[in-house]
């Protein structure tokens, strides 16, 4: 079990084939490297609220 960095309600987590981890929170999207170190954070457009995340191009 790993505590993911960041704050806010986690809405989803995706693991990519290259080892990155995408964390969708109420406040936006965080991209973590394979050691769970944050690489980038971005606000999610309001029109995506309520949609399921299938993939993100980073």
PDB file of N, CA and C in Angstrom:
ATOM      1  N   UNK A   1       0.851  -1.166   0.000  1.00  0.00           N
ATOM      2  CA  UNK A   1       0.000   0.000   0.000  1.00  0.00           C
ATOM      3  C   UNK A   1       0.902   1.236   0.000  1.00  0.00           C
ATOM      4  N   UNK A   2       0.542   2.203  -0.818  1.00  0.00           N
ATOM      5  CA  UNK A   2       1.337   3.424  -0.963  1.00  0.00           C
ATOM      6  C   UNK A   2       0.427   4.625  -0.781  1.00  0.00           C
ATOM      7  N   UNK A   3       0.877   5.586   0.023  1.00  0.00           N
ATOM      8  CA  UNK A   3       0.147   6.848   0.151  1.00  0.00           C
ATOM      9  C   UNK A   3       0.544   7.724  -1.033  1.00  0.00           C
ATOM     10  N   UNK A   4      -0.437   8.095  -1.840  1.00  0.00           N
ATOM     11  CA  UNK A   4      -0.155   8.911  -3.012  1.00  0.00           C
ATOM     12  C   UNK A   4       0.001  10.374  -2.611  1.00  0.00           C
ATOM     13  N   UNK A   5       1.015  11.054  -3.160  1.00  0.00           N
ATOM     14  CA  UNK A   5       1.206  12.462  -2.833  1.00  0.00           C
ATOM     15  C   UNK A   5       0.067  13.307  -3.388  1.00  0.00           C
ATOM     16  N   UNK A   6      -0.177  14.412  -2.745  1.00  0.00           N
ATOM     17  CA  UNK A   6      -1.225  15.323  -3.179  1.00  0.00           C
ATOM     18  C   UNK A   6      -2.366  15.357  -2.182  1.00  0.00           C
ATOM     19  N   UNK A   7      -3.302  16.226  -2.446  1.00  0.00           N
ATOM     20  CA  UNK A   7      -4.441  16.349  -1.538  1.00  0.00           C
ATOM     21  C   UNK A   7      -5.727  16.352  -2.343  1.00  0.00           C
ATOM     22  N   UNK A   8      -6.792  16.026  -1.687  1.00  0.00           N
ATOM     23  CA  UNK A   8      -8.092  15.980  -2.331  1.00  0.00           C
ATOM     24  C   UNK A   8      -8.562  14.557  -2.559  1.00  0.00           C
ATOM     25  N   UNK A   9      -9.849  14.435  -2.794  1.00  0.00           N
ATOM     26  CA  UNK A   9     -10.466  13.129  -3.017  1.00  0.00           C
ATOM     27  C   UNK A   9      -9.940  12.487  -4.299  1.00  0.00           C
ATOM     28  N   UNK A  10      -9.492  11.251  -4.205  1.00  0.00           N
ATOM     29  CA  UNK A  10      -9.024  10.525  -5.378  1.00  0.00           C
ATOM     30  C   UNK A  10     -10.237   9.942  -6.096  1.00  0.00           C
ATOM     31  N   UNK A  11     -10.337  10.247  -7.383  1.00  0.00           N
ATOM     32  CA  UNK A  11     -11.459   9.757  -8.197  1.00  0.00           C
ATOM     33  C   UNK A  11     -11.055   8.608  -9.100  1.00  0.00           C
ATOM     34  N   UNK A  12      -9.766   8.456  -9.328  1.00  0.00           N
ATOM     35  CA  UNK A  12      -9.294   7.360 -10.169  1.00  0.00           C
ATOM     36  C   UNK A  12      -7.782   7.335 -10.242  1.00  0.00           C
ATOM     37  N   UNK A  13      -7.253   6.153 -10.530  1.00  0.00           N
ATOM     38  CA  UNK A  13      -5.813   5.975 -10.685  1.00  0.00           C
ATOM     39  C   UNK A  13      -5.595   5.101 -11.915  1.00  0.00           C
ATOM     40  N   UNK A  14      -4.695   5.526 -12.791  1.00  0.00           N
ATOM     41  CA  UNK A  14      -4.328   4.751 -13.974  1.00  0.00           C
ATOM     42  C   UNK A  14      -2.825   4.509 -13.967  1.00  0.00           C
ATOM     43  N   UNK A  15      -2.427   3.313 -14.325  1.00  0.00           N
ATOM     44  CA  UNK A  15      -1.016   2.957 -14.454  1.00  0.00           C
ATOM     45  C   UNK A  15      -0.707   2.821 -15.930  1.00  0.00           C
ATOM     46  N   UNK A  16       0.329   3.511 -16.395  1.00  0.00           N
ATOM     47  CA  UNK A  16       0.676   3.478 -17.813  1.00  0.00           C
ATOM     48  C   UNK A  16       1.738   2.406 -18.071  1.00  0.00           C
ATOM     49  N   UNK A  17       1.876   2.012 -19.328  1.00  0.00           N
ATOM     50  CA  UNK A  17       2.839   0.972 -19.676  1.00  0.00           C
ATOM     51  C   UNK A  17       4.284   1.424 -19.462  1.00  0.00           C
ATOM     52  N   UNK A  18       4.521   2.732 -19.456  1.00  0.00           N
ATOM     53  CA  UNK A  18       5.891   3.224 -19.242  1.00  0.00           C
ATOM     54  C   UNK A  18       6.183   3.506 -17.770  1.00  0.00           C
ATOM     55  N   UNK A  19       5.303   3.070 -16.865  1.00  0.00           N
ATOM     56  CA  UNK A  19       5.567   3.178 -15.438  1.00  0.00           C
ATOM     57  C   UNK A  19       5.019   4.412 -14.754  1.00  0.00           C
ATOM     58  N   UNK A  20       4.417   5.310 -15.504  1.00  0.00           N
ATOM     59  CA  UNK A  20       3.843   6.497 -14.871  1.00  0.00           C
ATOM     60  C   UNK A  20       2.504   6.153 -14.219  1.00  0.00           C
ATOM     61  N   UNK A  21       2.102   6.985 -13.273  1.00  0.00           N
ATOM     62  CA  UNK A  21       0.836   6.812 -12.574  1.00  0.00           C
ATOM     63  C   UNK A  21       0.050   8.112 -12.725  1.00  0.00           C
ATOM     64  N   UNK A  22      -1.184   8.011 -13.219  1.00  0.00           N
ATOM     65  CA  UNK A  22      -2.049   9.175 -13.357  1.00  0.00           C
ATOM     66  C   UNK A  22      -3.075   9.125 -12.236  1.00  0.00           C
ATOM     67  N   UNK A  23      -3.137  10.187 -11.458  1.00  0.00           N
ATOM     68  CA  UNK A  23      -4.071  10.247 -10.336  1.00  0.00           C
ATOM     69  C   UNK A  23      -5.081  11.349 -10.626  1.00  0.00           C
ATOM     70  N   UNK A  24      -6.325  10.966 -10.711  1.00  0.00           N
ATOM     71  CA  UNK A  24      -7.394  11.946 -10.941  1.00  0.00           C
ATOM     72  C   UNK A  24      -8.013  12.281  -9.593  1.00  0.00           C
ATOM     73  N   UNK A  25      -7.980  13.560  -9.270  1.00  0.00           N
ATOM     74  CA  UNK A  25      -8.546  14.053  -8.018  1.00  0.00           C
ATOM     75  C   UNK A  25      -9.628  15.076  -8.331  1.00  0.00           C
ATOM     76  N   UNK A  26     -10.366  15.436  -7.312  1.00  0.00           N
ATOM     77  CA  UNK A  26     -11.379  16.480  -7.476  1.00  0.00           C
ATOM     78  C   UNK A  26     -10.735  17.775  -7.966  1.00  0.00           C
ATOM     79  N   UNK A  27      -9.461  17.987  -7.629  1.00  0.00           N
ATOM     80  CA  UNK A  27      -8.770  19.230  -7.975  1.00  0.00           C
ATOM     81  C   UNK A  27      -8.024  19.179  -9.303  1.00  0.00           C
ATOM     82  N   UNK A  28      -7.907  18.003  -9.936  1.00  0.00           N
ATOM     83  CA  UNK A  28      -7.200  17.917 -11.206  1.00  0.00           C
ATOM     84  C   UNK A  28      -6.472  16.599 -11.368  1.00  0.00           C
ATOM     85  N   UNK A  29      -5.513  16.571 -12.271  1.00  0.00           N
ATOM     86  CA  UNK A  29      -4.758  15.375 -12.617  1.00  0.00           C
ATOM     87  C   UNK A  29      -3.312  15.540 -12.169  1.00  0.00           C
ATOM     88  N   UNK A  30      -2.774  14.508 -11.533  1.00  0.00           N
ATOM     89  CA  UNK A  30      -1.360  14.474 -11.180  1.00  0.00           C
ATOM     90  C   UNK A  30      -0.706  13.332 -11.940  1.00  0.00           C
ATOM     91  N   UNK A  31       0.487  13.580 -12.466  1.00  0.00           N
ATOM     92  CA  UNK A  31       1.276  12.534 -13.115  1.00  0.00           C
ATOM     93  C   UNK A  31       2.457  12.250 -12.202  1.00  0.00           C
ATOM     94  N   UNK A  32       2.606  10.984 -11.830  1.00  0.00           N
ATOM     95  CA  UNK A  32       3.684  10.553 -10.948  1.00  0.00           C
ATOM     96  C   UNK A  32       4.609   9.625 -11.727  1.00  0.00           C
ATOM     97  N   UNK A  33       5.887   9.594 -11.344  1.00  0.00           N
ATOM     98  CA  UNK A  33       6.786   8.626 -11.968  1.00  0.00           C
ATOM     99  C   UNK A  33       6.619   7.274 -11.278  1.00  0.00           C
ATOM    100  N   UNK A  34       7.402   6.295 -11.668  1.00  0.00           N
ATOM    101  CA  UNK A  34       7.234   4.940 -11.140  1.00  0.00           C
ATOM    102  C   UNK A  34       7.553   4.820  -9.654  1.00  0.00           C
ATOM    103  N   UNK A  35       8.241   5.805  -9.085  1.00  0.00           N
ATOM    104  CA  UNK A  35       8.507   5.804  -7.641  1.00  0.00           C
ATOM    105  C   UNK A  35       7.507   6.686  -6.892  1.00  0.00           C
ATOM    106  N   UNK A  36       6.440   7.107  -7.597  1.00  0.00           N
ATOM    107  CA  UNK A  36       5.360   7.933  -7.055  1.00  0.00           C
ATOM    108  C   UNK A  36       5.789   9.357  -6.712  1.00  0.00           C
ATOM    109  N   UNK A  37       6.840   9.833  -7.388  1.00  0.00           N
ATOM    110  CA  UNK A  37       7.269  11.219  -7.251  1.00  0.00           C
ATOM    111  C   UNK A  37       6.482  12.058  -8.260  1.00  0.00           C
ATOM    112  N   UNK A  38       5.880  13.177  -7.810  1.00  0.00           N
ATOM    113  CA  UNK A  38       5.102  14.007  -8.741  1.00  0.00           C
ATOM    114  C   UNK A  38       5.964  14.576  -9.867  1.00  0.00           C
ATOM    115  N   UNK A  39       5.448  14.474 -11.087  1.00  0.00           N
ATOM    116  CA  UNK A  39       6.106  15.058 -12.244  1.00  0.00           C
ATOM    117  C   UNK A  39       5.407  16.335 -12.681  1.00  0.00           C
ATOM    118  N   UNK A  40       4.077  16.311 -12.701  1.00  0.00           N
ATOM    119  CA  UNK A  40       3.304  17.465 -13.147  1.00  0.00           C
ATOM    120  C   UNK A  40       1.888  17.363 -12.591  1.00  0.00           C
ATOM    121  N   UNK A  41       1.276  18.524 -12.393  1.00  0.00           N
ATOM    122  CA  UNK A  41      -0.122  18.592 -11.993  1.00  0.00           C
ATOM    123  C   UNK A  41      -0.827  19.548 -12.943  1.00  0.00           C
ATOM    124  N   UNK A  42      -2.063  19.227 -13.262  1.00  0.00           N
ATOM    125  CA  UNK A  42      -2.823  20.073 -14.183  1.00  0.00           C
ATOM    126  C   UNK A  42      -4.279  20.116 -13.752  1.00  0.00           C
ATOM    127  N   UNK A  43      -4.891  21.266 -13.957  1.00  0.00           N
ATOM    128  CA  UNK A  43      -6.328  21.388 -13.705  1.00  0.00           C
ATOM    129  C   UNK A  43      -7.063  20.644 -14.807  1.00  0.00           C
ATOM    130  N   UNK A  44      -8.167  20.046 -14.452  1.00  0.00           N
ATOM    131  CA  UNK A  44      -8.975  19.325 -15.430  1.00  0.00           C
ATOM    132  C   UNK A  44     -10.109  20.242 -15.885  1.00  0.00           C
ATOM    133  N   UNK A  45     -10.380  20.301 -17.178  1.00  0.00           N
ATOM    134  CA  UNK A  45     -11.480  21.146 -17.654  1.00  0.00           C
ATOM    135  C   UNK A  45     -12.805  20.768 -16.991  1.00  0.00           C
ATOM    136  N   UNK A  46     -13.616  21.749 -16.662  1.00  0.00           N
ATOM    137  CA  UNK A  46     -14.884  21.520 -15.967  1.00  0.00           C
ATOM    138  C   UNK A  46     -15.802  20.587 -16.742  1.00  0.00           C
ATOM    139  N   UNK A  47     -15.748  20.610 -18.061  1.00  0.00           N
ATOM    140  CA  UNK A  47     -16.632  19.752 -18.850  1.00  0.00           C
ATOM    141  C   UNK A  47     -16.277  18.264 -18.747  1.00  0.00           C
ATOM    142  N   UNK A  48     -15.105  17.938 -18.179  1.00  0.00           N
ATOM    143  CA  UNK A  48     -14.728  16.540 -17.979  1.00  0.00           C
ATOM    144  C   UNK A  48     -15.266  15.980 -16.666  1.00  0.00           C
ATOM    145  N   UNK A  49     -15.767  16.838 -15.800  1.00  0.00           N
ATOM    146  CA  UNK A  49     -16.282  16.393 -14.508  1.00  0.00           C
ATOM    147  C   UNK A  49     -17.415  15.391 -14.732  1.00  0.00           C
ATOM    148  N   UNK A  50     -17.354  14.279 -14.059  1.00  0.00           N
ATOM    149  CA  UNK A  50     -18.372  13.254 -14.192  1.00  0.00           C
ATOM    150  C   UNK A  50     -18.080  12.220 -15.269  1.00  0.00           C
ATOM    151  N   UNK A  51     -17.059  12.454 -16.098  1.00  0.00           N
ATOM    152  CA  UNK A  51     -16.683  11.481 -17.125  1.00  0.00           C
ATOM    153  C   UNK A  51     -15.668  10.489 -16.563  1.00  0.00           C
ATOM    154  N   UNK A  52     -15.631   9.312 -17.125  1.00  0.00           N
ATOM    155  CA  UNK A  52     -14.635   8.316 -16.728  1.00  0.00           C
ATOM    156  C   UNK A  52     -13.384   8.507 -17.566  1.00  0.00           C
ATOM    157  N   UNK A  53     -12.234   8.393 -16.938  1.00  0.00           N
ATOM    158  CA  UNK A  53     -10.975   8.548 -17.635  1.00  0.00           C
ATOM    159  C   UNK A  53     -10.590   7.220 -18.267  1.00  0.00           C
ATOM    160  N   UNK A  54     -10.402   7.216 -19.574  1.00  0.00           N
ATOM    161  CA  UNK A  54      -9.930   6.029 -20.268  1.00  0.00           C
ATOM    162  C   UNK A  54      -8.446   6.127 -20.564  1.00  0.00           C
ATOM    163  N   UNK A  55      -7.992   7.336 -20.911  1.00  0.00           N
ATOM    164  CA  UNK A  55      -6.578   7.544 -21.225  1.00  0.00           C
ATOM    165  C   UNK A  55      -6.282   9.034 -21.251  1.00  0.00           C
ATOM    166  N   UNK A  56      -5.030   9.340 -21.008  1.00  0.00           N
ATOM    167  CA  UNK A  56      -4.525  10.695 -21.139  1.00  0.00           C
ATOM    168  C   UNK A  56      -3.257  10.639 -21.961  1.00  0.00           C
ATOM    169  N   UNK A  57      -3.094  11.589 -22.840  1.00  0.00           N
ATOM    170  CA  UNK A  57      -1.843  11.694 -23.576  1.00  0.00           C
ATOM    171  C   UNK A  57      -0.982  12.687 -22.834  1.00  0.00           C
ATOM    172  N   UNK A  58       0.199  12.255 -22.445  1.00  0.00           N
ATOM    173  CA  UNK A  58       1.105  13.100 -21.654  1.00  0.00           C
ATOM    174  C   UNK A  58       2.298  13.471 -22.487  1.00  0.00           C
TER     175      UNK A  58
END
